[in-house]
Amino acid sequence: MSRIDSILALTAEIESLISDGRWSDAAEREGERRSLLVEYVEAEGHGAPHVRELYERSLHSMEHIRQVKGALSGDASLQISNSRAVDAYLDNAGAGSGDR
C-alpha cells in the first residue's frame, strides 16, 4: 500500500472513530496519520495529490468535534445547574423539616 493510500485509509478510519465517539482511539490513530502525512508532504510537496482533500476532511472532522464538544459542555452545564437546584431544594426541605 502506498503512503497516500495508508493516509487515506487512516483518515477514513479516524472519521469513523470520531462518528462513533471513540475519541481516544481516534486520537491514537491521528498521531500515526500525522506522521505519514508529514512524510508525504515532505516527499511530494504541498501541491501533492490529495493534500487539499485531506485538509478539507480534517476541517470537517474538527468542526464535527467542536459541535459535539459544545453539546457535551451544554449537557454538563445543565447537569451542574440541575444538581445545584436539587441540593438547594434538599437544603431548604431539610431546614423546614427541623422546624416541625
C-alpha atoms as a PDB file:
ATOM      1  CA  MET A   1       0.000   0.000   0.000  1.00  0.00           C
ATOM      2  CA  SER A   2       1.404   3.408  -0.914  1.00  0.00           C
ATOM      3  CA  ARG A   3       1.906   6.117   1.677  1.00  0.00           C
ATOM      4  CA  ILE A   4      -1.059   8.136   0.370  1.00  0.00           C
ATOM      5  CA  ASP A   5      -3.284   5.046   0.363  1.00  0.00           C
ATOM      6  CA  SER A   6      -2.316   4.451   4.004  1.00  0.00           C
ATOM      7  CA  ILE A   7      -3.088   8.082   4.840  1.00  0.00           C
ATOM      8  CA  LEU A   8      -6.477   7.930   3.109  1.00  0.00           C
ATOM      9  CA  ALA A   9      -7.333   4.659   4.860  1.00  0.00           C
ATOM     10  CA  LEU A  10      -6.331   6.077   8.240  1.00  0.00           C
ATOM     11  CA  THR A  11      -8.346   9.227   7.534  1.00  0.00           C
ATOM     12  CA  ALA A  12     -11.459   7.148   6.841  1.00  0.00           C
ATOM     13  CA  GLU A  13     -10.843   5.095   9.970  1.00  0.00           C
ATOM     14  CA  ILE A  14     -10.404   8.206  12.119  1.00  0.00           C
ATOM     15  CA  GLU A  15     -13.568   9.761  10.704  1.00  0.00           C
ATOM     16  CA  SER A  16     -15.454   6.592  11.615  1.00  0.00           C
ATOM     17  CA  LEU A  17     -13.994   6.545  15.122  1.00  0.00           C
ATOM     18  CA  ILE A  18     -14.983  10.183  15.604  1.00  0.00           C
ATOM     19  CA  SER A  19     -18.512   9.468  14.401  1.00  0.00           C
ATOM     20  CA  ASP A  20     -18.708   6.604  16.903  1.00  0.00           C
ATOM     21  CA  GLY A  21     -17.468   8.841  19.734  1.00  0.00           C
ATOM     22  CA  ARG A  22     -14.314   6.779  20.209  1.00  0.00           C
ATOM     23  CA  TRP A  23     -12.141   9.816  20.944  1.00  0.00           C
ATOM     24  CA  SER A  24      -9.133   8.034  22.454  1.00  0.00           C
ATOM     25  CA  ASP A  25      -8.895   5.594  19.570  1.00  0.00           C
ATOM     26  CA  ALA A  26      -9.223   8.451  17.052  1.00  0.00           C
ATOM     27  CA  ALA A  27      -6.504  10.468  18.801  1.00  0.00           C
ATOM     28  CA  GLU A  28      -4.186   7.464  18.853  1.00  0.00           C
ATOM     29  CA  ARG A  29      -4.651   6.818  15.132  1.00  0.00           C
ATOM     30  CA  GLU A  30      -4.314  10.538  14.336  1.00  0.00           C
ATOM     31  CA  GLY A  31      -0.733  10.507  15.594  1.00  0.00           C
ATOM     32  CA  GLU A  32       0.131   7.790  13.107  1.00  0.00           C
ATOM     33  CA  ARG A  33      -1.728   9.570  10.298  1.00  0.00           C
ATOM     34  CA  ARG A  34       0.005  12.858  11.048  1.00  0.00           C
ATOM     35  CA  SER A  35       3.450  11.260  10.847  1.00  0.00           C
ATOM     36  CA  LEU A  36       2.639   9.694   7.484  1.00  0.00           C
ATOM     37  CA  LEU A  37       1.168  12.947   6.220  1.00  0.00           C
ATOM     38  CA  VAL A  38       4.276  14.924   7.191  1.00  0.00           C
ATOM     39  CA  GLU A  39       6.468  12.386   5.401  1.00  0.00           C
ATOM     40  CA  TYR A  40       4.196  12.513   2.348  1.00  0.00           C
ATOM     41  CA  VAL A  41       4.215  16.318   2.104  1.00  0.00           C
ATOM     42  CA  GLU A  42       7.986  16.460   2.652  1.00  0.00           C
ATOM     43  CA  ALA A  43       8.482  13.959  -0.179  1.00  0.00           C
ATOM     44  CA  GLU A  44       5.826  15.226  -2.595  1.00  0.00           C
ATOM     45  CA  GLY A  45       5.350  18.898  -1.702  1.00  0.00           C
ATOM     46  CA  HIS A  46       2.284  20.861  -0.624  1.00  0.00           C
ATOM     47  CA  GLY A  47       0.736  20.537  -4.084  1.00  0.00           C
ATOM     48  CA  ALA A  48       0.799  16.731  -3.944  1.00  0.00           C
ATOM     49  CA  PRO A  49      -2.349  14.878  -4.911  1.00  0.00           C
ATOM     50  CA  HIS A  50      -4.935  14.522  -2.121  1.00  0.00           C
ATOM     51  CA  VAL A  51      -3.371  17.133   0.203  1.00  0.00           C
ATOM     52  CA  ARG A  52      -6.267  19.562  -0.336  1.00  0.00           C
ATOM     53  CA  GLU A  53      -8.812  16.758   0.112  1.00  0.00           C
ATOM     54  CA  LEU A  54      -7.151  15.661   3.350  1.00  0.00           C
ATOM     55  CA  TYR A  55      -7.077  19.243   4.595  1.00  0.00           C
ATOM     56  CA  GLU A  56     -10.800  19.688   3.890  1.00  0.00           C
ATOM     57  CA  ARG A  57     -11.648  16.374   5.514  1.00  0.00           C
ATOM     58  CA  SER A  58      -9.644  17.394   8.578  1.00  0.00           C
ATOM     59  CA  LEU A  59     -11.545  20.684   8.770  1.00  0.00           C
ATOM     60  CA  HIS A  60     -14.835  18.799   8.539  1.00  0.00           C
ATOM     61  CA  SER A  61     -13.789  16.426  11.336  1.00  0.00           C
ATOM     62  CA  MET A  62     -12.664  19.294  13.555  1.00  0.00           C
ATOM     63  CA  GLU A  63     -15.981  21.086  13.041  1.00  0.00           C
ATOM     64  CA  HIS A  64     -17.858  17.929  13.979  1.00  0.00           C
ATOM     65  CA  ILE A  65     -15.731  17.591  17.119  1.00  0.00           C
ATOM     66  CA  ARG A  66     -16.396  21.247  18.045  1.00  0.00           C
ATOM     67  CA  GLN A  67     -20.125  20.659  17.719  1.00  0.00           C
ATOM     68  CA  VAL A  68     -20.010  17.530  19.881  1.00  0.00           C
ATOM     69  CA  LYS A  69     -17.857  19.327  22.447  1.00  0.00           C
ATOM     70  CA  GLY A  70     -20.334  22.209  22.548  1.00  0.00           C
ATOM     71  CA  ALA A  71     -23.237  19.820  23.058  1.00  0.00           C
ATOM     72  CA  LEU A  72     -21.366  17.972  25.801  1.00  0.00           C
ATOM     73  CA  SER A  73     -20.471  21.243  27.506  1.00  0.00           C
ATOM     74  CA  GLY A  74     -24.105  22.315  27.365  1.00  0.00           C
ATOM     75  CA  ASP A  75     -25.231  18.990  28.816  1.00  0.00           C
ATOM     76  CA  ALA A  76     -22.623  19.236  31.576  1.00  0.00           C
ATOM     77  CA  SER A  77     -23.700  22.787  32.431  1.00  0.00           C
ATOM     78  CA  LEU A  78     -27.323  21.675  32.600  1.00  0.00           C
ATOM     79  CA  GLN A  79     -26.401  18.746  34.864  1.00  0.00           C
ATOM     80  CA  ILE A  80     -24.455  21.038  37.195  1.00  0.00           C
ATOM     81  CA  SER A  81     -27.324  23.508  37.290  1.00  0.00           C
ATOM     82  CA  ASN A  82     -29.852  20.740  37.975  1.00  0.00           C
ATOM     83  CA  SER A  83     -27.628  19.279  40.677  1.00  0.00           C
ATOM     84  CA  ARG A  84     -27.364  22.663  42.385  1.00  0.00           C
ATOM     85  CA  ALA A  85     -31.135  23.113  42.197  1.00  0.00           C
ATOM     86  CA  VAL A  86     -31.647  19.682  43.792  1.00  0.00           C
ATOM     87  CA  ASP A  87     -29.100  20.498  46.510  1.00  0.00           C
ATOM     88  CA  ALA A  88     -30.830  23.818  47.212  1.00  0.00           C
ATOM     89  CA  TYR A  89     -34.201  22.091  47.422  1.00  0.00           C
ATOM     90  CA  LEU A  90     -32.850  19.432  49.773  1.00  0.00           C
ATOM     91  CA  ASP A  91     -31.200  22.109  51.933  1.00  0.00           C
ATOM     92  CA  ASN A  92     -34.470  24.005  52.143  1.00  0.00           C
ATOM     93  CA  ALA A  93     -36.520  20.871  52.737  1.00  0.00           C
ATOM     94  CA  GLY A  94     -34.132  19.758  55.463  1.00  0.00           C
ATOM     95  CA  ALA A  95     -34.256  23.165  57.174  1.00  0.00           C
ATOM     96  CA  GLY A  96     -38.049  23.174  57.038  1.00  0.00           C
ATOM     97  CA  SER A  97     -38.420  19.664  58.497  1.00  0.00           C
ATOM     98  CA  GLY A  98     -36.447  20.597  61.601  1.00  0.00           C
ATOM     99  CA  ASP A  99     -38.971  23.334  62.471  1.00  0.00           C
ATOM    100  CA  ARG A 100     -41.917  20.929  62.795  1.00  0.00           C
END
